């Protein structure tokens, strides 16, 4: 299994993600606990192809505080490879990211998203931003 394989828009998991978002949008649903399920499914399906496991709400200690990312991606050796944090569509994503950074969320490999925008941090800085 190639861990660097690119996830394409034509992948079944990606298509399913967009279909779920569309159905939520048609029902005027945008709160975090509803829409994060779609991204959670996308992460779970694509992570599995790489031999990783998505673990939701895994507590961890950082900078003397307990944080709970929405998702942690662990490899076969149970080592964390990345993190995910979902936000509400009504939230200001950049402001919410700043709050999470202040709490000590790891910026080694984390994606913050609100179903409209995704911002990937790697090695302490923004590596990628997508609508």
N, C-alpha and C. Protein backbone atom coordinates (compact mmCIF):
# COMPACT_ATOMS: atom_id res chain seq x y z
N UNK A 1 0.85 -1.18 0.00
CA UNK A 1 0.00 0.00 0.00
C UNK A 1 0.89 1.24 0.00
N UNK A 2 0.70 2.11 -0.96
CA UNK A 2 1.48 3.33 -1.06
C UNK A 2 0.84 4.43 -0.21
N UNK A 3 1.50 4.85 0.90
CA UNK A 3 0.89 5.87 1.76
C UNK A 3 0.83 7.24 1.11
N UNK A 4 1.52 7.42 -0.01
CA UNK A 4 1.53 8.72 -0.67
C UNK A 4 0.52 8.79 -1.82
N UNK A 5 -0.25 7.74 -1.99
CA UNK A 5 -1.26 7.72 -3.06
C UNK A 5 -2.22 8.90 -2.89
N UNK A 6 -2.45 9.59 -3.96
CA UNK A 6 -3.32 10.76 -3.94
C UNK A 6 -4.79 10.32 -3.98
N UNK A 7 -5.60 10.96 -3.16
CA UNK A 7 -7.04 10.73 -3.20
C UNK A 7 -7.59 11.62 -4.31
N UNK A 8 -8.29 11.02 -5.23
CA UNK A 8 -8.81 11.77 -6.37
C UNK A 8 -10.29 12.08 -6.20
N UNK A 9 -10.72 13.11 -6.89
CA UNK A 9 -12.12 13.53 -6.83
C UNK A 9 -13.06 12.44 -7.34
N UNK A 10 -12.52 11.55 -8.15
CA UNK A 10 -13.33 10.48 -8.70
C UNK A 10 -13.47 9.28 -7.76
N UNK A 11 -12.73 9.27 -6.65
CA UNK A 11 -12.83 8.18 -5.68
C UNK A 11 -14.24 8.10 -5.11
N UNK A 12 -14.71 6.90 -4.87
CA UNK A 12 -16.05 6.67 -4.34
C UNK A 12 -16.28 7.41 -3.03
N UNK A 13 -15.28 7.42 -2.15
CA UNK A 13 -15.43 8.09 -0.85
C UNK A 13 -15.59 9.59 -1.02
N UNK A 14 -14.92 10.17 -1.97
CA UNK A 14 -15.02 11.61 -2.22
C UNK A 14 -16.40 11.94 -2.79
N UNK A 15 -16.85 11.14 -3.73
CA UNK A 15 -18.18 11.35 -4.31
C UNK A 15 -19.26 11.27 -3.23
N UNK A 16 -19.13 10.28 -2.35
CA UNK A 16 -20.10 10.10 -1.26
C UNK A 16 -20.09 11.33 -0.32
N UNK A 17 -18.89 11.85 -0.07
CA UNK A 17 -18.74 13.04 0.78
C UNK A 17 -19.52 14.22 0.19
N UNK A 18 -19.31 14.48 -1.09
CA UNK A 18 -20.01 15.60 -1.74
C UNK A 18 -21.52 15.38 -1.78
N UNK A 19 -21.95 14.14 -1.96
CA UNK A 19 -23.38 13.85 -1.94
C UNK A 19 -23.99 14.13 -0.57
N UNK A 20 -23.28 13.73 0.48
CA UNK A 20 -23.77 13.99 1.84
C UNK A 20 -23.86 15.49 2.11
N UNK A 21 -22.83 16.23 1.72
CA UNK A 21 -22.85 17.67 1.93
C UNK A 21 -24.00 18.32 1.18
N UNK A 22 -24.23 17.87 -0.04
CA UNK A 22 -25.33 18.42 -0.83
C UNK A 22 -26.67 18.18 -0.14
N UNK A 23 -26.86 16.98 0.39
CA UNK A 23 -28.14 16.69 1.05
C UNK A 23 -28.30 17.53 2.32
N UNK A 24 -27.21 17.75 3.08
CA UNK A 24 -27.29 18.61 4.26
C UNK A 24 -27.62 20.04 3.84
N UNK A 25 -26.99 20.50 2.77
CA UNK A 25 -27.22 21.85 2.28
C UNK A 25 -28.67 22.04 1.85
N UNK A 26 -29.22 21.04 1.18
CA UNK A 26 -30.62 21.11 0.74
C UNK A 26 -31.59 21.17 1.91
N UNK A 27 -31.17 20.65 3.06
CA UNK A 27 -32.01 20.70 4.26
C UNK A 27 -31.63 21.87 5.16
N UNK A 28 -30.72 22.74 4.69
CA UNK A 28 -30.26 23.91 5.44
C UNK A 28 -29.64 23.51 6.77
N UNK A 29 -28.87 22.43 6.74
CA UNK A 29 -28.19 21.94 7.94
C UNK A 29 -26.72 22.27 7.81
N UNK A 30 -26.18 22.97 8.81
CA UNK A 30 -24.77 23.35 8.75
C UNK A 30 -24.05 23.27 10.08
N UNK A 31 -24.71 22.72 11.11
CA UNK A 31 -24.03 22.66 12.40
C UNK A 31 -23.00 21.52 12.42
N UNK A 32 -21.97 21.74 13.22
CA UNK A 32 -20.79 20.86 13.21
C UNK A 32 -21.11 19.39 13.42
N UNK A 33 -21.92 19.06 14.40
CA UNK A 33 -22.13 17.65 14.71
C UNK A 33 -22.81 16.90 13.56
N UNK A 34 -23.56 17.61 12.72
CA UNK A 34 -24.18 16.96 11.57
C UNK A 34 -23.20 16.84 10.41
N UNK A 35 -22.60 17.97 10.03
CA UNK A 35 -21.77 17.95 8.83
C UNK A 35 -20.44 17.24 9.03
N UNK A 36 -19.95 17.16 10.26
CA UNK A 36 -18.66 16.50 10.46
C UNK A 36 -18.74 15.00 10.18
N UNK A 37 -19.94 14.44 10.25
CA UNK A 37 -20.10 13.01 9.95
C UNK A 37 -19.67 12.70 8.52
N UNK A 38 -19.96 13.62 7.61
CA UNK A 38 -19.58 13.40 6.21
C UNK A 38 -18.06 13.36 6.05
N UNK A 39 -17.37 14.31 6.67
CA UNK A 39 -15.90 14.34 6.57
C UNK A 39 -15.29 13.17 7.33
N UNK A 40 -15.91 12.80 8.44
CA UNK A 40 -15.43 11.66 9.22
C UNK A 40 -15.46 10.39 8.37
N UNK A 41 -16.54 10.19 7.63
CA UNK A 41 -16.64 9.02 6.74
C UNK A 41 -15.57 9.07 5.65
N UNK A 42 -15.36 10.26 5.10
CA UNK A 42 -14.33 10.42 4.08
C UNK A 42 -12.95 10.07 4.63
N UNK A 43 -12.62 10.59 5.79
CA UNK A 43 -11.32 10.28 6.40
C UNK A 43 -11.18 8.80 6.72
N UNK A 44 -12.22 8.22 7.29
CA UNK A 44 -12.18 6.80 7.67
C UNK A 44 -11.94 5.93 6.44
N UNK A 45 -12.67 6.19 5.37
CA UNK A 45 -12.54 5.37 4.15
C UNK A 45 -11.18 5.54 3.48
N UNK A 46 -10.70 6.78 3.39
CA UNK A 46 -9.42 7.00 2.71
C UNK A 46 -8.24 6.57 3.59
N UNK A 47 -8.37 6.70 4.90
CA UNK A 47 -7.30 6.27 5.80
C UNK A 47 -7.12 4.75 5.76
N UNK A 48 -8.24 4.06 5.70
CA UNK A 48 -8.21 2.59 5.68
C UNK A 48 -7.39 2.07 4.50
N UNK A 49 -7.49 2.76 3.36
CA UNK A 49 -6.74 2.36 2.17
C UNK A 49 -5.23 2.47 2.37
N UNK A 50 -4.82 3.26 3.34
CA UNK A 50 -3.40 3.46 3.63
C UNK A 50 -2.94 2.68 4.85
N UNK A 51 -3.83 1.90 5.41
CA UNK A 51 -3.47 1.13 6.60
C UNK A 51 -3.54 1.94 7.87
N UNK A 52 -4.20 3.08 7.83
CA UNK A 52 -4.36 3.91 9.01
C UNK A 52 -5.77 3.75 9.56
N UNK A 53 -5.94 4.13 10.82
CA UNK A 53 -7.23 4.04 11.48
C UNK A 53 -7.63 5.41 12.01
N UNK A 54 -8.86 5.80 11.76
CA UNK A 54 -9.38 7.04 12.31
C UNK A 54 -9.98 6.74 13.67
N UNK A 55 -9.50 7.45 14.68
CA UNK A 55 -10.02 7.33 16.04
C UNK A 55 -10.64 8.67 16.40
N UNK A 56 -11.92 8.67 16.70
CA UNK A 56 -12.59 9.93 17.02
C UNK A 56 -12.46 10.25 18.50
N UNK A 57 -12.40 11.56 18.78
CA UNK A 57 -12.43 12.09 20.14
C UNK A 57 -11.38 11.46 21.07
N UNK A 58 -10.18 11.25 20.58
CA UNK A 58 -9.09 10.67 21.39
C UNK A 58 -8.43 11.77 22.20
N UNK A 59 -8.50 11.66 23.51
CA UNK A 59 -7.89 12.65 24.41
C UNK A 59 -6.38 12.54 24.35
N UNK A 60 -5.73 13.70 24.46
CA UNK A 60 -4.27 13.70 24.53
C UNK A 60 -3.82 14.90 25.34
N UNK A 61 -2.66 14.77 25.95
CA UNK A 61 -2.09 15.86 26.75
C UNK A 61 -1.07 16.59 25.89
N UNK A 62 -1.14 17.91 25.93
CA UNK A 62 -0.17 18.73 25.23
C UNK A 62 -0.04 20.05 25.98
N UNK A 63 1.17 20.46 26.21
CA UNK A 63 1.43 21.72 26.91
C UNK A 63 0.67 21.80 28.24
N UNK A 64 0.57 20.66 28.93
CA UNK A 64 -0.09 20.63 30.22
C UNK A 64 -1.61 20.67 30.17
N UNK A 65 -2.18 20.63 28.97
CA UNK A 65 -3.62 20.66 28.82
C UNK A 65 -4.10 19.39 28.14
N UNK A 66 -5.35 19.05 28.38
CA UNK A 66 -5.97 17.95 27.67
C UNK A 66 -6.73 18.53 26.49
N UNK A 67 -6.47 17.98 25.31
CA UNK A 67 -7.21 18.39 24.12
C UNK A 67 -7.88 17.15 23.53
N UNK A 68 -8.90 17.39 22.74
CA UNK A 68 -9.64 16.28 22.14
C UNK A 68 -9.91 16.61 20.67
N UNK A 69 -8.98 16.28 19.79
CA UNK A 69 -9.26 16.49 18.36
C UNK A 69 -10.46 15.64 17.94
N UNK A 70 -11.18 16.12 16.94
CA UNK A 70 -12.32 15.34 16.43
C UNK A 70 -11.86 14.00 15.89
N UNK A 71 -10.65 13.96 15.36
CA UNK A 71 -10.12 12.70 14.85
C UNK A 71 -8.61 12.65 14.93
N UNK A 72 -8.12 11.45 15.18
CA UNK A 72 -6.69 11.17 15.15
C UNK A 72 -6.48 10.00 14.20
N UNK A 73 -5.54 10.14 13.30
CA UNK A 73 -5.23 9.07 12.34
C UNK A 73 -3.97 8.35 12.82
N UNK A 74 -4.14 7.07 13.19
CA UNK A 74 -3.01 6.27 13.65
C UNK A 74 -2.61 5.24 12.61
N UNK A 75 -1.31 4.95 12.56
CA UNK A 75 -0.82 3.94 11.64
C UNK A 75 -0.90 2.56 12.28
N UNK A 76 -0.35 1.55 11.61
CA UNK A 76 -0.40 0.17 12.10
C UNK A 76 0.33 -0.02 13.43
N UNK A 77 1.25 0.88 13.76
CA UNK A 77 2.00 0.80 15.01
C UNK A 77 1.36 1.65 16.10
N UNK A 78 0.14 2.13 15.84
CA UNK A 78 -0.62 2.97 16.75
C UNK A 78 0.05 4.32 17.00
N UNK A 79 0.83 4.77 16.03
CA UNK A 79 1.46 6.09 16.11
C UNK A 79 0.59 7.10 15.39
N UNK A 80 0.39 8.26 16.00
CA UNK A 80 -0.44 9.27 15.33
C UNK A 80 0.26 9.84 14.10
N UNK A 81 -0.46 9.86 12.99
CA UNK A 81 0.06 10.39 11.73
C UNK A 81 -0.56 11.72 11.37
N UNK A 82 -1.73 12.00 11.95
CA UNK A 82 -2.39 13.26 11.65
C UNK A 82 -3.62 13.43 12.51
N UNK A 83 -4.16 14.65 12.43
CA UNK A 83 -5.31 15.01 13.25
C UNK A 83 -6.33 15.75 12.39
N UNK A 84 -7.55 15.80 12.89
CA UNK A 84 -8.63 16.47 12.18
C UNK A 84 -9.48 17.22 13.20
N UNK A 85 -9.85 18.44 12.84
CA UNK A 85 -10.73 19.24 13.69
C UNK A 85 -11.80 19.87 12.81
N UNK A 86 -13.05 19.56 13.12
CA UNK A 86 -14.20 20.08 12.37
C UNK A 86 -14.74 21.30 13.07
N UNK A 87 -15.23 22.23 12.28
CA UNK A 87 -15.87 23.42 12.82
C UNK A 87 -17.21 23.60 12.13
N UNK A 88 -18.04 24.40 12.73
CA UNK A 88 -19.38 24.72 12.25
C UNK A 88 -19.29 25.67 11.05
N UNK A 89 -20.21 25.57 10.11
CA UNK A 89 -20.20 26.48 8.96
C UNK A 89 -20.47 27.93 9.39
N UNK A 90 -21.07 28.13 10.54
CA UNK A 90 -21.33 29.49 11.02
C UNK A 90 -20.11 30.09 11.73
N UNK A 91 -19.12 29.26 12.03
CA UNK A 91 -17.92 29.73 12.71
C UNK A 91 -16.99 30.46 11.75
N UNK A 92 -16.15 31.31 12.31
CA UNK A 92 -15.05 31.90 11.57
C UNK A 92 -13.90 30.90 11.68
N UNK A 93 -13.60 30.20 10.61
CA UNK A 93 -12.64 29.10 10.66
C UNK A 93 -11.27 29.56 11.15
N UNK A 94 -10.78 30.68 10.65
CA UNK A 94 -9.46 31.16 11.06
C UNK A 94 -9.42 31.49 12.56
N UNK A 95 -10.49 32.11 13.06
CA UNK A 95 -10.56 32.42 14.49
C UNK A 95 -10.60 31.14 15.32
N UNK A 96 -11.36 30.16 14.88
CA UNK A 96 -11.44 28.88 15.59
C UNK A 96 -10.09 28.15 15.57
N UNK A 97 -9.38 28.26 14.46
CA UNK A 97 -8.04 27.65 14.38
C UNK A 97 -7.11 28.31 15.39
N UNK A 98 -7.16 29.63 15.47
CA UNK A 98 -6.32 30.34 16.44
C UNK A 98 -6.61 29.87 17.86
N UNK A 99 -7.87 29.65 18.18
CA UNK A 99 -8.24 29.16 19.52
C UNK A 99 -7.64 27.78 19.77
N UNK A 100 -7.70 26.92 18.76
CA UNK A 100 -7.16 25.56 18.91
C UNK A 100 -5.64 25.60 19.04
N UNK A 101 -5.00 26.49 18.29
CA UNK A 101 -3.54 26.64 18.40
C UNK A 101 -3.18 27.10 19.80
N UNK A 102 -3.93 28.06 20.34
CA UNK A 102 -3.68 28.54 21.70
C UNK A 102 -3.84 27.44 22.74
N UNK A 103 -4.72 26.47 22.47
CA UNK A 103 -4.92 25.35 23.39
C UNK A 103 -3.83 24.30 23.26
N UNK A 104 -3.00 24.40 22.22
CA UNK A 104 -1.90 23.45 22.07
C UNK A 104 -2.14 22.33 21.08
N UNK A 105 -3.12 22.49 20.20
CA UNK A 105 -3.35 21.45 19.19
C UNK A 105 -2.11 21.29 18.33
N UNK A 106 -1.74 20.06 18.02
CA UNK A 106 -0.51 19.82 17.26
C UNK A 106 -0.63 20.33 15.82
N UNK A 107 0.39 21.00 15.36
CA UNK A 107 0.39 21.53 13.99
C UNK A 107 1.33 20.74 13.10
N UNK A 108 1.66 19.52 13.54
CA UNK A 108 2.56 18.67 12.75
C UNK A 108 1.89 18.18 11.48
N UNK A 109 0.60 17.84 11.57
CA UNK A 109 -0.17 17.37 10.41
C UNK A 109 -1.64 17.33 10.83
N UNK A 110 -2.31 18.46 10.69
CA UNK A 110 -3.70 18.57 11.12
C UNK A 110 -4.50 19.33 10.07
N UNK A 111 -5.72 18.86 9.86
CA UNK A 111 -6.62 19.56 8.95
C UNK A 111 -7.78 20.13 9.75
N UNK A 112 -8.02 21.41 9.54
CA UNK A 112 -9.17 22.09 10.12
C UNK A 112 -10.14 22.32 8.96
N UNK A 113 -11.43 22.01 9.19
CA UNK A 113 -12.38 22.17 8.08
C UNK A 113 -13.76 22.50 8.62
N UNK A 114 -14.54 23.15 7.75
CA UNK A 114 -15.92 23.49 8.10
C UNK A 114 -16.87 23.09 6.97
N UNK A 115 -16.47 22.17 6.14
CA UNK A 115 -17.17 21.63 4.98
C UNK A 115 -17.14 22.57 3.78
N UNK A 116 -16.74 23.81 4.00
CA UNK A 116 -16.58 24.75 2.87
C UNK A 116 -15.12 25.00 2.59
N UNK A 117 -14.33 25.05 3.64
CA UNK A 117 -12.90 25.33 3.53
C UNK A 117 -12.14 24.33 4.39
N UNK A 118 -11.01 23.88 3.87
CA UNK A 118 -10.12 23.00 4.62
C UNK A 118 -8.74 23.65 4.63
N UNK A 119 -8.13 23.69 5.80
CA UNK A 119 -6.79 24.25 5.94
C UNK A 119 -5.91 23.19 6.59
N UNK A 120 -4.88 22.80 5.87
CA UNK A 120 -3.94 21.78 6.34
C UNK A 120 -2.70 22.46 6.90
N UNK A 121 -2.39 22.13 8.14
CA UNK A 121 -1.13 22.58 8.76
C UNK A 121 -0.18 21.40 8.78
N UNK A 122 1.06 21.64 8.39
CA UNK A 122 2.12 20.64 8.49
C UNK A 122 3.38 21.35 8.95
N UNK A 123 4.12 20.71 9.82
CA UNK A 123 5.38 21.25 10.32
C UNK A 123 5.22 22.67 10.86
N UNK A 124 4.08 22.95 11.51
CA UNK A 124 3.88 24.21 12.20
C UNK A 124 3.29 25.34 11.39
N UNK A 125 3.05 25.14 10.10
CA UNK A 125 2.50 26.22 9.29
C UNK A 125 1.49 25.70 8.28
N UNK A 126 0.82 26.63 7.62
CA UNK A 126 -0.17 26.25 6.61
C UNK A 126 0.54 25.67 5.39
N UNK A 127 0.15 24.45 5.05
CA UNK A 127 0.74 23.75 3.90
C UNK A 127 -0.20 23.77 2.70
N UNK A 128 -1.51 23.85 2.97
CA UNK A 128 -2.48 23.77 1.88
C UNK A 128 -3.82 24.33 2.35
N UNK A 129 -4.50 24.99 1.46
CA UNK A 129 -5.84 25.52 1.74
C UNK A 129 -6.69 25.22 0.54
N UNK A 130 -7.92 24.72 0.78
CA UNK A 130 -8.80 24.38 -0.33
C UNK A 130 -10.24 24.72 0.01
N UNK A 131 -10.98 25.14 -1.00
CA UNK A 131 -12.41 25.36 -0.86
C UNK A 131 -13.12 24.08 -1.22
